[in-house]
Amino acid sequence: VPPLNYGMVEYDLTRSGVVHQLNFPFLERLNLRTVLYLSQDEPSQQFLSFLDEQGIHFRRTHQSSSTTAAETTGSLSEAQVLSALEVILRPENYPLHVMCKQGRNTTGTVIGCLRKLQRWNLTSIFEEHRRYTTSKVRILNEQFIEMFDANSV
């Protein structure tokens, strides 16, 4: 059973919401090398044990020690997005799975910024973003993607 909001981004790059025990056999089939966890909360010990048993590296984005406006709205800071993209752009991390709590806004923002690096047009980026967020779209996240400077990577 695939995790909530599972999707393929690129070859060997997938995304989803938090993974539960029911999803472990599915993830096993992906032969992952790395999981990039974008949520602020701690993953379950059961999930961390699964990753350890499978030899999958667990990575997080750079965490800021101060609470910023971006963090209180549930959005990512630019430093967190750059940290996530640094992991995504390194071939040695592949096959790679990117995830956040629901697999919608946080993961979608990072993937949207990746798409901007890939020179996708904004209409296509937002269409993909809204496919996962459905009615839960956050305009601030789309503004972040639009204003994201791909040259900063």
C-alpha atoms as a PDB file:
ATOM      1  CA  VAL A   1       0.000   0.000   0.000  1.00  0.00           C
ATOM      2  CA  PRO A   2       1.575   3.332  -1.005  1.00  0.00           C
ATOM      3  CA  PRO A   3       1.770   6.117   1.597  1.00  0.00           C
ATOM      4  CA  LEU A   4      -0.636   9.067   1.637  1.00  0.00           C
ATOM      5  CA  ASN A   5      -0.098  11.413  -1.340  1.00  0.00           C
ATOM      6  CA  TYR A   6       2.548   9.155  -2.860  1.00  0.00           C
ATOM      7  CA  GLY A   7       3.878  10.214  -6.230  1.00  0.00           C
ATOM      8  CA  MET A   8       6.845   9.885  -8.525  1.00  0.00           C
ATOM      9  CA  VAL A   9       8.689  13.171  -9.071  1.00  0.00           C
ATOM     10  CA  GLU A  10      11.479  11.884 -11.300  1.00  0.00           C
ATOM     11  CA  TYR A  11      13.167   8.548 -11.882  1.00  0.00           C
ATOM     12  CA  ASP A  12      14.346   7.360  -8.420  1.00  0.00           C
ATOM     13  CA  LEU A  13      12.812  10.429  -6.716  1.00  0.00           C
ATOM     14  CA  THR A  14       9.452   9.963  -4.974  1.00  0.00           C
ATOM     15  CA  ARG A  15       7.314  11.902  -2.490  1.00  0.00           C
ATOM     16  CA  SER A  16       4.582  11.265   0.074  1.00  0.00           C
ATOM     17  CA  GLY A  17       3.120  11.972   3.460  1.00  0.00           C
ATOM     18  CA  VAL A  18       4.222  10.203   6.626  1.00  0.00           C
ATOM     19  CA  VAL A  19       4.826   6.486   6.219  1.00  0.00           C
ATOM     20  CA  HIS A  20       3.072   3.969   8.471  1.00  0.00           C
ATOM     21  CA  GLN A  21       3.812   0.294   9.083  1.00  0.00           C
ATOM     22  CA  LEU A  22       1.243  -0.668   6.448  1.00  0.00           C
ATOM     23  CA  ASN A  23       3.412   1.169   3.871  1.00  0.00           C
ATOM     24  CA  PHE A  24       6.732  -0.474   4.788  1.00  0.00           C
ATOM     25  CA  PRO A  25       6.523  -3.299   2.196  1.00  0.00           C
ATOM     26  CA  PHE A  26       5.782  -0.724  -0.520  1.00  0.00           C
ATOM     27  CA  LEU A  27       8.776   1.407   0.461  1.00  0.00           C
ATOM     28  CA  GLU A  28      10.948  -1.691   0.616  1.00  0.00           C
ATOM     29  CA  ARG A  29      10.302  -2.276  -3.086  1.00  0.00           C
ATOM     30  CA  LEU A  30      11.678   1.186  -3.939  1.00  0.00           C
ATOM     31  CA  ASN A  31      15.199   0.156  -2.805  1.00  0.00           C
ATOM     32  CA  LEU A  32      15.698   3.576  -1.248  1.00  0.00           C
ATOM     33  CA  ARG A  33      19.074   4.909  -0.243  1.00  0.00           C
ATOM     34  CA  THR A  34      17.787   8.079   1.470  1.00  0.00           C
ATOM     35  CA  VAL A  35      14.625   9.485   3.039  1.00  0.00           C
ATOM     36  CA  LEU A  36      14.414  13.274   3.342  1.00  0.00           C
ATOM     37  CA  TYR A  37      12.039  14.152   6.190  1.00  0.00           C
ATOM     38  CA  LEU A  38      10.688  17.714   6.023  1.00  0.00           C
ATOM     39  CA  SER A  39       8.349  17.775   9.039  1.00  0.00           C
ATOM     40  CA  GLN A  40       9.184  19.638  12.245  1.00  0.00           C
ATOM     41  CA  ASP A  41       7.814  16.830  14.427  1.00  0.00           C
ATOM     42  CA  GLU A  42       9.704  13.659  15.230  1.00  0.00           C
ATOM     43  CA  PRO A  43       9.120  10.535  13.130  1.00  0.00           C
ATOM     44  CA  SER A  44       7.880   7.406  14.876  1.00  0.00           C
ATOM     45  CA  GLN A  45      10.455   5.094  16.386  1.00  0.00           C
ATOM     46  CA  GLN A  46       8.906   2.278  14.349  1.00  0.00           C
ATOM     47  CA  PHE A  47       9.645   4.186  11.128  1.00  0.00           C
ATOM     48  CA  LEU A  48      13.209   4.981  12.194  1.00  0.00           C
ATOM     49  CA  SER A  49      13.751   1.305  13.063  1.00  0.00           C
ATOM     50  CA  PHE A  50      12.442   0.297   9.619  1.00  0.00           C
ATOM     51  CA  LEU A  51      14.884   2.690   7.935  1.00  0.00           C
ATOM     52  CA  ASP A  52      17.746   1.353  10.042  1.00  0.00           C
ATOM     53  CA  GLU A  53      16.858  -2.267   9.223  1.00  0.00           C
ATOM     54  CA  GLN A  54      16.745  -1.441   5.505  1.00  0.00           C
ATOM     55  CA  GLY A  55      20.010   0.529   5.565  1.00  0.00           C
ATOM     56  CA  ILE A  56      18.220   3.706   4.439  1.00  0.00           C
ATOM     57  CA  HIS A  57      19.830   7.029   5.373  1.00  0.00           C
ATOM     58  CA  PHE A  58      17.533   9.430   7.238  1.00  0.00           C
ATOM     59  CA  ARG A  59      18.048  13.125   6.452  1.00  0.00           C
ATOM     60  CA  ARG A  60      16.330  16.265   7.706  1.00  0.00           C
ATOM     61  CA  THR A  61      16.410  19.837   6.497  1.00  0.00           C
ATOM     62  CA  HIS A  62      18.419  22.458   8.329  1.00  0.00           C
ATOM     63  CA  GLN A  63      16.415  23.356  11.456  1.00  0.00           C
ATOM     64  CA  SER A  64      16.362  26.945  12.649  1.00  0.00           C
ATOM     65  CA  SER A  65      16.640  27.461  16.397  1.00  0.00           C
ATOM     66  CA  SER A  66      14.368  30.504  16.373  1.00  0.00           C
ATOM     67  CA  THR A  67      10.689  30.493  15.483  1.00  0.00           C
ATOM     68  CA  THR A  68      10.158  32.527  12.341  1.00  0.00           C
ATOM     69  CA  ALA A  69       6.945  33.638  10.696  1.00  0.00           C
ATOM     70  CA  ALA A  70       7.494  30.966   8.048  1.00  0.00           C
ATOM     71  CA  GLU A  71       7.617  28.234  10.674  1.00  0.00           C
ATOM     72  CA  THR A  72       4.502  29.404  12.485  1.00  0.00           C
ATOM     73  CA  THR A  73       2.488  29.403   9.261  1.00  0.00           C
ATOM     74  CA  GLY A  74       3.635  25.885   8.488  1.00  0.00           C
ATOM     75  CA  SER A  75       5.776  26.999   5.568  1.00  0.00           C
ATOM     76  CA  LEU A  76       9.455  26.401   5.067  1.00  0.00           C
ATOM     77  CA  SER A  77      12.151  29.021   5.366  1.00  0.00           C
ATOM     78  CA  GLU A  78      14.453  29.661   2.438  1.00  0.00           C
ATOM     79  CA  ALA A  79      17.303  28.011   4.388  1.00  0.00           C
ATOM     80  CA  GLN A  80      15.223  24.849   4.818  1.00  0.00           C
ATOM     81  CA  VAL A  81      14.339  24.725   1.121  1.00  0.00           C
ATOM     82  CA  LEU A  82      17.988  25.223   0.146  1.00  0.00           C
ATOM     83  CA  SER A  83      18.993  22.493   2.602  1.00  0.00           C
ATOM     84  CA  ALA A  84      16.392  20.119   1.120  1.00  0.00           C
ATOM     85  CA  LEU A  85      17.473  20.900  -2.445  1.00  0.00           C
ATOM     86  CA  GLU A  86      21.086  20.245  -1.481  1.00  0.00           C
ATOM     87  CA  VAL A  87      20.063  16.696  -0.522  1.00  0.00           C
ATOM     88  CA  ILE A  88      17.869  16.253  -3.613  1.00  0.00           C
ATOM     89  CA  LEU A  89      20.553  17.438  -6.036  1.00  0.00           C
ATOM     90  CA  ARG A  90      23.206  14.977  -4.819  1.00  0.00           C
ATOM     91  CA  PRO A  91      23.184  11.799  -6.942  1.00  0.00           C
ATOM     92  CA  GLU A  92      24.699   9.751  -4.104  1.00  0.00           C
ATOM     93  CA  ASN A  93      21.381  10.111  -2.184  1.00  0.00           C
ATOM     94  CA  TYR A  94      19.377   8.274  -4.852  1.00  0.00           C
ATOM     95  CA  PRO A  95      16.952   6.507  -4.884  1.00  0.00           C
ATOM     96  CA  LEU A  96      15.458   9.236  -2.687  1.00  0.00           C
ATOM     97  CA  HIS A  97      12.084   9.672  -1.018  1.00  0.00           C
ATOM     98  CA  VAL A  98      10.908  13.128   0.161  1.00  0.00           C
ATOM     99  CA  MET A  99       8.164  13.316   2.773  1.00  0.00           C
ATOM    100  CA  CYS A 100       6.368  15.554   5.239  1.00  0.00           C
ATOM    101  CA  LYS A 101       3.396  15.042   7.532  1.00  0.00           C
ATOM    102  CA  GLN A 102       0.665  15.079   4.877  1.00  0.00           C
ATOM    103  CA  GLY A 103       2.786  15.100   1.705  1.00  0.00           C
ATOM    104  CA  ARG A 104       1.057  18.265   0.539  1.00  0.00           C
ATOM    105  CA  ASN A 105       2.301  21.762   1.273  1.00  0.00           C
ATOM    106  CA  THR A 106       5.795  21.318   2.704  1.00  0.00           C
ATOM    107  CA  THR A 107       6.858  18.613   0.268  1.00  0.00           C
ATOM    108  CA  GLY A 108       5.030  20.458  -2.502  1.00  0.00           C
ATOM    109  CA  THR A 109       6.945  23.663  -1.832  1.00  0.00           C
ATOM    110  CA  VAL A 110      10.298  21.890  -2.036  1.00  0.00           C
ATOM    111  CA  ILE A 111       9.280  20.006  -5.193  1.00  0.00           C
ATOM    112  CA  GLY A 112       7.925  23.258  -6.670  1.00  0.00           C
ATOM    113  CA  CYS A 113      11.305  24.913  -6.104  1.00  0.00           C
ATOM    114  CA  LEU A 114      12.992  21.883  -7.697  1.00  0.00           C
ATOM    115  CA  ARG A 115      10.699  22.290 -10.712  1.00  0.00           C
ATOM    116  CA  LYS A 116      11.728  25.939 -10.914  1.00  0.00           C
ATOM    117  CA  LEU A 117      15.368  24.805 -11.040  1.00  0.00           C
ATOM    118  CA  GLN A 118      14.346  22.462 -13.859  1.00  0.00           C
ATOM    119  CA  ARG A 119      12.956  25.518 -15.698  1.00  0.00           C
ATOM    120  CA  TRP A 120       9.311  24.422 -15.587  1.00  0.00           C
ATOM    121  CA  ASN A 121       6.855  27.251 -16.195  1.00  0.00           C
ATOM    122  CA  LEU A 122       4.845  28.442 -13.179  1.00  0.00           C
ATOM    123  CA  THR A 123       1.528  27.190 -14.551  1.00  0.00           C
ATOM    124  CA  SER A 124       2.878  23.632 -14.708  1.00  0.00           C
ATOM    125  CA  ILE A 125       4.498  23.917 -11.279  1.00  0.00           C
ATOM    126  CA  PHE A 126       1.262  25.127  -9.670  1.00  0.00           C
ATOM    127  CA  GLU A 127      -0.803  22.469 -11.459  1.00  0.00           C
ATOM    128  CA  GLU A 128       1.421  19.748 -10.021  1.00  0.00           C
ATOM    129  CA  HIS A 129       1.426  21.451  -6.594  1.00  0.00           C
ATOM    130  CA  ARG A 130      -2.395  21.653  -6.523  1.00  0.00           C
ATOM    131  CA  ARG A 131      -2.735  18.017  -7.560  1.00  0.00           C
ATOM    132  CA  TYR A 132      -1.421  17.075  -4.106  1.00  0.00           C
ATOM    133  CA  THR A 133      -2.818  19.944  -2.025  1.00  0.00           C
ATOM    134  CA  THR A 134      -6.343  19.842  -3.528  1.00  0.00           C
ATOM    135  CA  SER A 135      -8.459  22.248  -1.450  1.00  0.00           C
ATOM    136  CA  LYS A 136      -5.691  22.656   1.159  1.00  0.00           C
ATOM    137  CA  VAL A 137      -3.516  24.849  -1.071  1.00  0.00           C
ATOM    138  CA  ARG A 138      -1.648  27.634   0.730  1.00  0.00           C
ATOM    139  CA  ILE A 139      -1.237  30.737  -1.395  1.00  0.00           C
ATOM    140  CA  LEU A 140       1.860  31.711   0.641  1.00  0.00           C
ATOM    141  CA  ASN A 141       3.579  28.521  -0.498  1.00  0.00           C
ATOM    142  CA  GLU A 142       2.819  29.263  -4.132  1.00  0.00           C
ATOM    143  CA  GLN A 143       4.102  32.813  -3.662  1.00  0.00           C
ATOM    144  CA  PHE A 144       7.253  31.366  -2.111  1.00  0.00           C
ATOM    145  CA  ILE A 145       7.771  29.124  -5.149  1.00  0.00           C
ATOM    146  CA  GLU A 146       7.137  32.037  -7.514  1.00  0.00           C
ATOM    147  CA  MET A 147       9.617  34.290  -5.697  1.00  0.00           C
ATOM    148  CA  PHE A 148      12.217  31.532  -5.161  1.00  0.00           C
ATOM    149  CA  ASP A 149      15.524  32.514  -6.747  1.00  0.00           C
ATOM    150  CA  ALA A 150      16.782  29.436  -8.574  1.00  0.00           C
ATOM    151  CA  ASN A 151      20.173  31.137  -8.898  1.00  0.00           C
ATOM    152  CA  SER A 152      20.633  30.860  -5.116  1.00  0.00           C
ATOM    153  CA  VAL A 153      21.168  27.103  -5.461  1.00  0.00           C
END
